[in-house]
Amino acid sequence: MQDCTTELVSMAKILADRDIKKLLDTVILNADPERINPNGIEIRLGKHVLFQSTDEEKELGPGMYLKVLPGESVTISSFEKFVLTDEAIGKIFPGCDLMALITPTTTMMREGIMQAATKVDSGWKGTLNWGLRNSSIREFVLGYGEPIFKLTLFLLEGGEIPDIRYGERANDKYQNTEGIARSTRKIPVGIPKKNYVGSSIEKLDPAKQLREAGYPFDHISTELTTLHGKFEVVSSDVAVLKDTISTEADKLSRKVDDTQKAALKEVENLFDRKFLSIAGAIIGSLAIMFGAVAFLQGHGISGMALGWVWLIGGLAVFLVVYLLARRKS
């Protein structure tokens, strides 16, 4: 056990693996001893995640995986919990203090994951939050409990020990974090437009905005610029084709309407002609039959002879009507 009160050191000491092991279960909780490096310890993915693009908070568990889409940013929590208080540190290094730096693992960087380094102040207590952004063109998958950051611990002695540790100030609002602690930064409501200072990116050409965004968006911008002229040609051709189709459709519609009207008129005329022809034939045939019967009766012929006359006359009328209908069709 090292007593910092008896030494005067001019520079903070980076703890080696043997010293980090001493901190387990006292300063660093829920840690995996197998994740200790020569000069640090790997920090694992915890169960809490905040998707910045949708403001959704979700939880992971054993056997579950976090999926981060290309261009998506998330805030995640650590599996481990840290107690960098004077009381906990004093059990291992009396009279000393600790702070730490969080840095990305090279494995994550090799897969196109952007991560910001940050620090853990003396006096911190709780789980850690940090962010990552998927800058690759593929989905990025992290398993629950998978190591993704490294924690480098610095032993503070003498004049390096701060007068006020984290958590002792009124604005230390992230102390005792469990899960995801939302940002406490506040922006005034109703800021006058003249008080904003920013770039003119809103006025930039969309293709240039994509180029400024970096990979893979700059690649997309190049492809879109190359295809822009083709899109214009296709758009013009589609517009002309649309107008042509619309014009031809109107003409065809008018032709169909005219054809239907002409057909209906022709059907009406044909029906009228057929009806008049057949009706005339029937009336004429009946008139002839009545005349013939009257003539025969006038000459004293009756009975069976008149029956034959009616029968033959009826057949004659039927034959005339049939022939007229067949001729008209």
Protein backbone atom coordinates (compact mmCIF):
# COMPACT_ATOMS: atom_id res chain seq x y z
CA MET A 1 0.00 0.00 0.00
CA GLN A 2 1.38 3.36 -1.08
CA ASP A 3 1.07 6.41 1.18
CA CYS A 4 1.06 9.56 -0.96
CA THR A 5 1.45 11.84 2.05
CA THR A 6 5.08 10.82 2.43
CA GLU A 7 6.12 11.55 -1.14
CA LEU A 8 6.41 14.67 -3.24
CA VAL A 9 5.89 13.81 -6.87
CA SER A 10 6.00 16.39 -9.66
CA MET A 11 3.96 14.46 -12.21
CA ALA A 12 0.87 12.27 -12.01
CA LYS A 13 1.62 8.59 -12.18
CA ILE A 14 -0.09 6.34 -14.71
CA LEU A 15 -1.15 3.17 -12.95
CA ALA A 16 0.19 -0.13 -14.26
CA ASP A 17 -1.75 -3.40 -14.38
CA ARG A 18 -0.67 -4.50 -10.89
CA ASP A 19 -1.98 -1.26 -9.34
CA ILE A 20 -5.26 -1.40 -11.31
CA LYS A 21 -5.94 -4.86 -9.93
CA LYS A 22 -5.86 -3.35 -6.44
CA LEU A 23 -8.75 -1.03 -7.37
CA LEU A 24 -11.16 -3.80 -8.38
CA ASP A 25 -14.24 -4.20 -6.16
CA THR A 26 -13.41 -0.98 -4.32
CA VAL A 27 -12.88 1.83 -6.82
CA ILE A 28 -13.86 -0.07 -9.98
CA LEU A 29 -16.98 -2.22 -9.53
CA ASN A 30 -18.30 -5.02 -11.78
CA ALA A 31 -15.01 -5.10 -13.67
CA ASP A 32 -13.53 -8.09 -15.50
CA PRO A 33 -9.91 -8.74 -14.40
CA GLU A 34 -9.25 -10.23 -17.85
CA ARG A 35 -9.83 -6.78 -19.35
CA ILE A 36 -6.89 -5.18 -17.54
CA ASN A 37 -4.24 -3.86 -19.97
CA PRO A 38 -0.62 -2.99 -19.20
CA ASN A 39 -1.62 0.61 -18.44
CA GLY A 40 -5.41 0.61 -18.23
CA ILE A 41 -8.59 -1.41 -18.23
CA GLU A 42 -11.16 -1.96 -20.98
CA ILE A 43 -14.62 -0.62 -20.25
CA ARG A 44 -17.60 -2.64 -21.49
CA LEU A 45 -20.97 -1.78 -23.00
CA GLY A 46 -23.69 -1.55 -20.34
CA LYS A 47 -27.43 -1.99 -20.66
CA HIS A 48 -28.50 1.61 -21.36
CA VAL A 49 -28.45 3.32 -24.77
CA LEU A 50 -29.85 6.59 -26.12
CA PHE A 51 -30.33 6.96 -29.89
CA GLN A 52 -29.62 10.63 -30.62
CA SER A 53 -31.42 10.68 -33.98
CA THR A 54 -34.77 9.53 -32.54
CA ASP A 55 -34.33 10.39 -28.83
CA GLU A 56 -35.21 6.78 -27.94
CA GLU A 57 -33.85 5.16 -24.78
CA LYS A 58 -33.57 1.38 -24.83
CA GLU A 59 -32.01 -1.33 -22.70
CA LEU A 60 -29.76 -4.26 -23.49
CA GLY A 61 -29.29 -7.50 -21.63
CA PRO A 62 -27.37 -10.77 -21.81
CA GLY A 63 -27.37 -12.18 -25.33
CA MET A 64 -28.56 -8.87 -26.83
CA TYR A 65 -26.80 -6.61 -29.34
CA LEU A 66 -26.79 -2.90 -30.10
CA LYS A 67 -27.23 -2.05 -33.80
CA VAL A 68 -26.00 1.37 -34.94
CA LEU A 69 -26.90 2.39 -38.50
CA PRO A 70 -24.46 4.25 -40.80
CA GLY A 71 -24.26 7.91 -39.77
CA GLU A 72 -26.14 7.27 -36.51
CA SER A 73 -24.94 8.53 -33.11
CA VAL A 74 -25.70 6.92 -29.76
CA THR A 75 -24.97 7.60 -26.11
CA ILE A 76 -24.19 4.48 -24.12
CA SER A 77 -23.51 3.57 -20.50
CA SER A 78 -20.70 1.53 -19.01
CA PHE A 79 -21.09 -1.95 -17.58
CA GLU A 80 -18.71 -0.99 -14.79
CA LYS A 81 -19.36 1.48 -11.99
CA PHE A 82 -16.68 3.80 -10.60
CA VAL A 83 -16.18 5.24 -7.13
CA LEU A 84 -13.39 7.81 -7.30
CA THR A 85 -14.14 9.23 -3.89
CA ASP A 86 -11.53 10.05 -1.24
CA GLU A 87 -12.84 7.32 1.04
CA ALA A 88 -12.66 4.52 -1.55
CA ILE A 89 -9.28 5.58 -2.96
CA GLY A 90 -7.83 5.99 0.53
CA LYS A 91 -8.33 2.27 1.20
CA ILE A 92 -5.80 1.46 -1.55
CA PHE A 93 -3.69 4.62 -1.85
CA PRO A 94 -3.90 6.63 1.41
CA GLY A 95 -3.56 10.36 0.92
CA CYS A 96 -3.78 10.04 -2.89
CA ASP A 97 -6.45 10.79 -5.44
CA LEU A 98 -7.38 9.40 -8.87
CA MET A 99 -8.58 10.72 -12.20
CA ALA A 100 -8.90 8.89 -15.51
CA LEU A 101 -9.00 9.33 -19.27
CA ILE A 102 -11.41 7.43 -21.52
CA THR A 103 -10.04 6.66 -24.98
CA PRO A 104 -11.42 4.51 -27.81
CA THR A 105 -10.03 1.08 -28.50
CA THR A 106 -8.18 0.68 -31.79
CA THR A 107 -10.57 -2.15 -32.68
CA MET A 108 -13.49 0.26 -32.83
CA MET A 109 -11.53 2.74 -34.96
CA ARG A 110 -10.60 -0.02 -37.40
CA GLU A 111 -14.33 -0.53 -37.99
CA GLY A 112 -15.03 3.13 -38.75
CA ILE A 113 -16.44 4.12 -35.34
CA MET A 114 -15.88 7.72 -34.26
CA GLN A 115 -15.47 8.18 -30.51
CA ALA A 116 -14.47 11.21 -28.48
CA ALA A 117 -11.94 10.92 -25.67
CA THR A 118 -13.00 12.40 -22.33
CA LYS A 119 -11.94 12.30 -18.70
CA VAL A 120 -13.28 11.19 -15.35
CA ASP A 121 -12.69 13.74 -12.63
CA SER A 122 -11.53 13.07 -9.12
CA GLY A 123 -14.55 12.47 -6.90
CA TRP A 124 -16.73 10.91 -9.63
CA LYS A 125 -19.20 8.24 -8.58
CA GLY A 126 -21.51 6.24 -10.87
CA THR A 127 -21.56 4.61 -14.29
CA LEU A 128 -19.94 6.35 -17.24
CA ASN A 129 -21.66 7.75 -20.31
CA TRP A 130 -19.97 8.31 -23.61
CA GLY A 131 -20.94 8.57 -27.26
CA LEU A 132 -20.03 6.92 -30.51
CA ARG A 133 -20.92 7.54 -34.14
CA ASN A 134 -20.99 4.98 -36.92
CA SER A 135 -19.01 6.63 -39.73
CA SER A 136 -18.83 3.47 -41.83
CA ILE A 137 -21.18 2.46 -44.64
CA ARG A 138 -22.30 -0.71 -42.85
CA GLU A 139 -24.39 -1.44 -39.81
CA PHE A 140 -22.29 -1.59 -36.64
CA VAL A 141 -23.17 -4.23 -34.05
CA LEU A 142 -21.99 -4.28 -30.43
CA GLY A 143 -22.68 -7.06 -27.99
CA TYR A 144 -23.86 -6.43 -24.45
CA GLY A 145 -20.77 -6.47 -22.20
CA GLU A 146 -18.36 -6.06 -25.13
CA PRO A 147 -15.29 -3.85 -24.41
CA ILE A 148 -15.15 -0.69 -26.49
CA PHE A 149 -13.24 1.92 -24.43
CA LYS A 150 -10.05 2.00 -22.41
CA LEU A 151 -9.72 3.70 -19.06
CA THR A 152 -6.27 5.05 -18.17
CA LEU A 153 -5.96 5.91 -14.47
CA PHE A 154 -3.70 8.62 -13.06
CA LEU A 155 -2.60 8.61 -9.42
CA LEU A 156 -2.60 12.17 -8.06
CA GLU A 157 -0.30 13.15 -5.21
CA GLY A 158 0.56 16.29 -3.30
CA GLY A 159 -0.24 19.44 -5.24
CA GLU A 160 -2.00 17.46 -7.98
CA ILE A 161 -4.89 16.63 -5.67
CA PRO A 162 -7.74 19.11 -6.33
CA ASP A 163 -9.18 21.25 -3.55
CA ILE A 164 -12.75 20.52 -4.67
CA ARG A 165 -13.58 17.12 -6.11
CA TYR A 166 -16.36 16.34 -8.56
CA GLY A 167 -19.70 16.12 -6.79
CA GLU A 168 -18.82 18.79 -4.23
CA ARG A 169 -20.05 21.66 -6.42
CA ALA A 170 -23.68 22.65 -6.95
CA ASN A 171 -23.47 22.29 -10.74
CA ASP A 172 -22.05 18.74 -10.70
CA LYS A 173 -25.37 17.30 -11.86
CA TYR A 174 -24.11 14.04 -13.34
CA GLN A 175 -22.88 12.57 -10.07
CA ASN A 176 -24.26 9.12 -9.16
CA THR A 177 -25.31 8.46 -12.74
CA GLU A 178 -27.18 5.22 -13.33
CA GLY A 179 -27.92 4.53 -16.99
CA ILE A 180 -28.04 7.57 -19.29
CA ALA A 181 -27.80 11.07 -17.82
CA ARG A 182 -29.31 13.63 -20.19
CA SER A 183 -27.47 16.86 -20.93
CA THR A 184 -28.27 19.61 -18.43
CA ARG A 185 -27.25 22.41 -20.80
CA LYS A 186 -29.98 24.99 -21.29
CA ILE A 187 -30.57 27.22 -24.31
CA PRO A 188 -32.55 30.46 -23.89
CA VAL A 189 -35.96 30.63 -25.53
CA GLY A 190 -36.60 33.22 -28.25
CA ILE A 191 -33.02 34.09 -29.22
CA PRO A 192 -33.06 37.05 -31.67
CA LYS A 193 -31.92 36.09 -35.14
CA LYS A 194 -29.23 38.79 -35.12
CA ASN A 195 -27.61 37.13 -32.09
CA TYR A 196 -26.84 33.92 -33.98
CA VAL A 197 -23.35 33.46 -35.38
CA GLY A 198 -23.07 30.56 -37.82
CA SER A 199 -21.91 29.49 -41.23
CA SER A 200 -23.81 29.91 -44.48
CA ILE A 201 -24.23 26.15 -44.88
CA GLU A 202 -28.00 26.60 -45.19
CA LYS A 203 -27.39 28.49 -48.43
CA LEU A 204 -24.98 25.93 -49.84
CA ASP A 205 -25.82 23.68 -52.71
CA PRO A 206 -27.07 20.31 -51.36
CA ALA A 207 -24.31 18.48 -53.23
CA LYS A 208 -21.70 20.65 -51.51
CA GLN A 209 -23.28 20.02 -48.12
CA LEU A 210 -22.89 16.29 -48.73
CA ARG A 211 -19.23 16.78 -49.67
CA GLU A 212 -18.62 18.76 -46.49
CA ALA A 213 -20.20 15.98 -44.39
CA GLY A 214 -17.33 13.58 -45.14
CA TYR A 215 -17.40 9.91 -46.04
CA PRO A 216 -19.68 8.25 -47.13
CA PHE A 217 -21.74 11.36 -47.94
CA ASP A 218 -19.01 12.92 -50.10
CA HIS A 219 -19.02 9.76 -52.23
CA ILE A 220 -22.81 10.04 -52.56
CA SER A 221 -22.41 13.69 -53.61
CA THR A 222 -19.97 12.74 -56.37
CA GLU A 223 -22.34 10.10 -57.71
CA LEU A 224 -25.30 12.46 -57.62
CA THR A 225 -23.33 15.18 -59.41
CA THR A 226 -22.36 12.72 -62.13
CA LEU A 227 -25.97 11.62 -62.56
CA HIS A 228 -27.45 15.09 -62.32
CA GLY A 229 -27.42 15.73 -66.08
CA LYS A 230 -28.91 12.32 -66.75
CA PHE A 231 -31.67 13.01 -64.26
CA GLU A 232 -32.48 16.26 -66.07
CA VAL A 233 -32.65 14.51 -69.46
CA VAL A 234 -34.83 11.75 -68.05
CA SER A 235 -37.01 14.32 -66.30
CA SER A 236 -37.50 16.29 -69.55
CA ASP A 237 -38.26 13.14 -71.53
CA VAL A 238 -40.75 12.03 -68.90
CA ALA A 239 -42.45 15.43 -69.00
CA VAL A 240 -42.75 15.32 -72.82
CA LEU A 241 -43.99 11.74 -72.72
CA LYS A 242 -46.53 12.67 -70.05
CA ASP A 243 -47.87 15.54 -72.17
CA THR A 244 -48.02 13.32 -75.27
CA ILE A 245 -49.83 10.56 -73.42
CA SER A 246 -52.27 13.07 -71.95
CA THR A 247 -53.00 14.58 -75.39
CA GLU A 248 -53.45 11.20 -77.07
CA ALA A 249 -55.63 10.01 -74.22
CA ASP A 250 -57.90 13.03 -74.65
CA LYS A 251 -58.14 12.41 -78.39
CA LEU A 252 -58.87 8.75 -77.87
CA SER A 253 -61.49 9.55 -75.26
CA ARG A 254 -63.24 11.92 -77.66
CA LYS A 255 -63.10 9.33 -80.44
CA VAL A 256 -64.58 6.68 -78.17
CA ASP A 257 -67.38 9.04 -77.15
CA ASP A 258 -68.13 9.91 -80.78
CA THR A 259 -68.04 6.23 -81.77
CA GLN A 260 -70.40 5.27 -78.97
CA LYS A 261 -72.84 8.00 -79.89
CA ALA A 262 -72.76 7.02 -83.58
CA ALA A 263 -73.22 3.35 -82.72
CA LEU A 264 -76.18 4.09 -80.46
CA LYS A 265 -77.77 6.24 -83.15
CA GLU A 266 -77.24 3.54 -85.78
CA VAL A 267 -78.77 0.90 -83.50
CA GLU A 268 -81.79 3.12 -82.90
CA ASN A 269 -82.24 3.73 -86.65
CA LEU A 270 -81.85 0.03 -87.43
CA PHE A 271 -84.38 -0.90 -84.76
CA ASP A 272 -86.85 1.63 -86.09
CA ARG A 273 -86.46 0.34 -89.65
CA LYS A 274 -86.82 -3.30 -88.64
CA PHE A 275 -89.80 -2.59 -86.42
CA LEU A 276 -91.60 -0.62 -89.14
CA SER A 277 -90.79 -3.23 -91.80
CA ILE A 278 -91.98 -6.18 -89.71
CA ALA A 279 -95.06 -4.36 -88.43
CA GLY A 280 -95.94 -3.29 -91.96
CA ALA A 281 -95.52 -6.84 -93.28
CA ILE A 282 -97.73 -8.28 -90.52
CA ILE A 283 -100.46 -5.69 -91.00
CA GLY A 284 -100.35 -6.07 -94.77
CA SER A 285 -100.49 -9.87 -94.61
CA LEU A 286 -103.43 -9.81 -92.18
CA ALA A 287 -105.28 -7.37 -94.42
CA ILE A 288 -104.78 -9.71 -97.42
CA MET A 289 -105.94 -12.71 -95.36
CA PHE A 290 -109.10 -10.92 -94.19
CA GLY A 291 -109.80 -9.88 -97.73
CA ALA A 292 -109.39 -13.44 -98.99
CA VAL A 293 -111.65 -14.85 -96.28
CA ALA A 294 -114.29 -12.26 -97.00
CA PHE A 295 -114.12 -13.06 -100.70
CA LEU A 296 -114.50 -16.80 -100.07
CA GLN A 297 -117.40 -16.28 -97.68
CA GLY A 298 -119.07 -14.15 -100.27
CA HIS A 299 -119.00 -17.10 -102.65
CA GLY A 300 -120.49 -19.49 -100.08
CA ILE A 301 -117.30 -21.21 -98.99
CA SER A 302 -117.04 -21.91 -95.27
CA GLY A 303 -116.08 -24.57 -92.72
CA MET A 304 -112.93 -26.56 -93.37
CA ALA A 305 -112.09 -24.59 -96.47
CA LEU A 306 -111.93 -21.35 -94.44
CA GLY A 307 -109.75 -23.11 -91.80
CA TRP A 308 -107.27 -24.06 -94.47
CA VAL A 309 -107.27 -20.49 -95.74
CA TRP A 310 -106.49 -19.17 -92.21
CA LEU A 311 -103.72 -21.75 -91.71
CA ILE A 312 -102.07 -21.09 -95.05
CA GLY A 313 -102.42 -17.34 -94.52
CA GLY A 314 -100.80 -17.56 -91.05
CA LEU A 315 -97.88 -19.54 -92.46
CA ALA A 316 -97.51 -17.02 -95.19
CA VAL A 317 -97.39 -14.15 -92.65
CA PHE A 318 -94.76 -16.01 -90.57
CA LEU A 319 -92.69 -16.66 -93.72
CA VAL A 320 -92.88 -13.02 -94.77
CA VAL A 321 -91.87 -11.77 -91.32
CA TYR A 322 -88.95 -14.25 -91.17
CA LEU A 323 -87.67 -13.24 -94.61
CA LEU A 324 -87.93 -9.54 -93.80
CA ALA A 325 -86.04 -9.94 -90.48
CA ARG A 326 -83.34 -12.05 -92.16
CA ARG A 327 -82.92 -9.51 -94.99
CA LYS A 328 -82.57 -6.59 -92.54
CA SER A 329 -79.93 -8.38 -90.44
